[in-house]
Protein backbone atom coordinates (compact mmCIF):
# COMPACT_ATOMS: atom_id res chain seq x y z
CA MET A 1 52.61 181.22 197.98
CA ALA A 2 55.76 179.21 197.26
CA ASN A 3 58.85 181.41 197.06
CA ASN A 4 62.24 179.80 197.01
CA PHE A 5 64.61 182.57 198.01
CA SER A 6 67.88 181.46 199.56
CA ASN A 7 69.29 183.09 202.67
CA SER A 8 72.20 184.44 200.63
CA GLU A 9 69.73 186.04 198.21
CA LEU A 10 67.88 187.60 201.12
CA GLU A 11 71.18 188.89 202.54
CA ALA A 12 71.93 190.47 199.17
CA PHE A 13 68.38 191.88 199.14
CA LEU A 14 69.00 193.54 202.51
CA ASP A 15 72.22 195.03 201.09
CA GLU A 16 70.37 196.13 197.93
CA ALA A 17 72.90 194.19 195.89
CA LEU A 18 70.60 192.22 193.59
CA PRO A 19 69.49 193.08 190.06
CA VAL A 20 66.44 195.33 190.05
CA GLU A 21 64.08 192.62 188.78
CA ARG A 22 65.09 190.21 191.56
CA MET A 23 64.81 192.94 194.20
CA ALA A 24 61.28 193.71 192.98
CA ALA A 25 60.32 190.02 193.04
CA ILE A 26 61.48 189.61 196.64
CA GLU A 27 59.81 192.84 197.72
CA ASP A 28 56.53 191.77 196.12
CA ALA A 29 56.74 188.33 197.73
CA LEU A 30 57.43 189.90 201.13
CA ARG A 31 54.14 191.78 200.94
CA HIS A 32 52.15 188.54 200.72
CA ASP A 33 54.17 185.75 202.33
CA ALA A 34 54.38 185.60 206.14
CA LYS A 35 56.84 182.69 205.97
CA LEU A 36 59.23 184.76 203.83
CA GLN A 37 58.85 187.68 206.23
CA LYS A 38 59.96 185.39 209.07
CA GLN A 39 62.88 184.13 206.96
CA VAL A 40 64.04 187.72 206.31
CA SER A 41 63.67 188.52 210.02
CA ALA A 42 65.83 185.52 210.86
CA VAL A 43 68.48 186.59 208.35
CA ARG A 44 68.44 190.12 209.75
CA GLY A 45 68.64 188.72 213.30
CA ARG A 46 71.73 186.65 212.46
CA ARG A 47 73.34 189.71 210.91
CA ASP A 48 72.54 191.85 213.93
CA ALA A 49 73.98 189.14 216.20
CA GLY A 50 77.25 189.25 214.26
CA VAL A 51 76.87 185.91 212.49
CA HIS A 52 78.00 186.35 208.90
CA SER A 53 78.55 183.99 206.01
CA LEU A 54 81.59 184.20 203.78
CA GLY A 55 79.33 185.14 200.86
CA GLU A 56 77.76 187.96 202.84
CA ILE A 57 81.16 189.37 203.81
CA TRP A 58 82.26 189.12 200.18
CA ARG A 59 79.15 191.01 198.98
CA ARG A 60 79.07 193.57 201.77
CA HIS A 61 82.68 194.60 201.22
CA ARG A 62 82.32 194.24 197.43
CA LEU A 63 85.53 192.23 197.18
CA SER A 64 84.85 191.30 193.56
CA CYS A 65 84.21 194.91 192.50
CA PRO A 66 86.99 196.69 190.62
CA SER A 67 88.20 200.01 191.99
CA ARG A 68 86.83 203.26 190.60
CA GLU A 69 90.22 203.87 189.03
CA ARG A 70 90.02 200.52 187.20
CA LEU A 71 86.48 201.34 186.04
CA GLY A 72 87.76 204.64 184.66
CA SER A 73 90.56 202.83 182.83
CA TYR A 74 87.95 200.41 181.50
CA LEU A 75 85.94 203.29 180.06
CA LEU A 76 89.06 204.70 178.44
CA GLY A 77 89.85 201.29 176.94
CA VAL A 78 93.35 201.06 178.38
CA LEU A 79 93.03 197.89 180.48
CA PRO A 80 94.56 194.55 179.50
CA HIS A 81 92.08 192.38 177.59
CA ASP A 82 91.48 189.86 180.42
CA GLU A 83 90.79 192.57 183.00
CA ALA A 84 88.43 194.39 180.62
CA ASP A 85 86.61 191.09 179.99
CA TYR A 86 86.20 190.59 183.74
CA ILE A 87 84.71 194.08 184.19
CA THR A 88 82.35 193.51 181.25
CA PHE A 89 81.25 190.22 182.86
CA HIS A 90 80.90 191.91 186.26
CA ILE A 91 78.69 194.69 184.87
CA GLU A 92 76.65 192.78 182.28
CA LYS A 93 76.26 189.27 183.75
CA ILE A 94 76.58 189.79 187.51
CA GLU A 95 74.71 193.10 187.14
CA CYS A 96 76.58 194.77 189.98
CA ARG A 97 74.52 197.83 190.78
CA TYR A 98 77.40 199.57 192.59
CA CYS A 99 79.77 199.32 189.64
CA ALA A 100 77.03 200.22 187.14
CA ALA A 101 76.29 203.37 189.15
CA SER A 102 80.00 204.18 189.34
CA ILE A 103 80.38 203.76 185.57
CA ALA A 104 77.33 205.98 184.95
CA ASP A 105 78.84 208.63 187.21
CA LEU A 106 82.21 208.41 185.46
CA LYS A 107 80.52 208.76 182.05
CA ALA A 108 78.62 211.83 183.28
CA GLN A 109 81.84 213.37 184.60
CA GLN A 110 83.58 212.63 181.31
CA SER A 111 80.85 214.24 179.21
CA SER A 112 80.69 217.34 181.44
CA ALA A 113 84.49 217.62 181.25
CA GLU A 114 84.32 217.49 177.45
CA VAL A 115 81.72 220.27 177.40
CA GLU A 116 83.88 222.34 179.75
CA THR A 117 86.94 221.81 177.52
CA VAL A 118 85.08 223.05 174.44
CA ARG A 119 83.79 226.08 176.36
CA ARG A 120 87.27 226.88 177.65
CA ARG A 121 88.79 226.65 174.15
CA GLN A 122 86.16 229.01 172.79
CA LYS A 123 86.81 231.45 175.63
CA TYR A 124 90.59 231.40 174.95
CA PHE A 125 90.03 231.92 171.25
CA GLN A 126 87.64 234.83 171.85
CA SER A 127 90.03 236.49 174.31
CA SER A 128 93.01 236.23 171.95
CA VAL A 129 91.35 237.11 168.64
CA GLY A 130 92.35 240.81 168.95
CA HIS A 131 95.99 239.89 169.55
CA LEU A 132 96.48 238.06 166.27
CA ARG A 133 98.55 239.88 163.65
CA LYS A 134 97.35 240.28 160.15
CA ARG A 135 99.79 239.29 157.43
């Protein structure tokens, strides 16, 4: 079976930093290809020995990922246009799983905060309804 996975792709696979489809393709190939299994073992061995490529360091430390604060500002639409474009590219084209998960978490927090705000307003209104004067 001919699989042409680069060492950098296999490093990203080990870090679970590839798009889901590519991760699945490598995992499936690993089940059937002894040569690929040896290649992954060699990559893992270099990592364990402390030999790292610049690309691996970049991916492992997620140097291209925006901070969670920047992702929150992105969701609020308050970032400068060029920075927002970069984050859109990072999420949609690069398919960064870490940032996509962070954005999903921020959206969930935002929606739960909105529900809590509505509940709190209703509670305040209900507790103050007897204190209103009739005119």
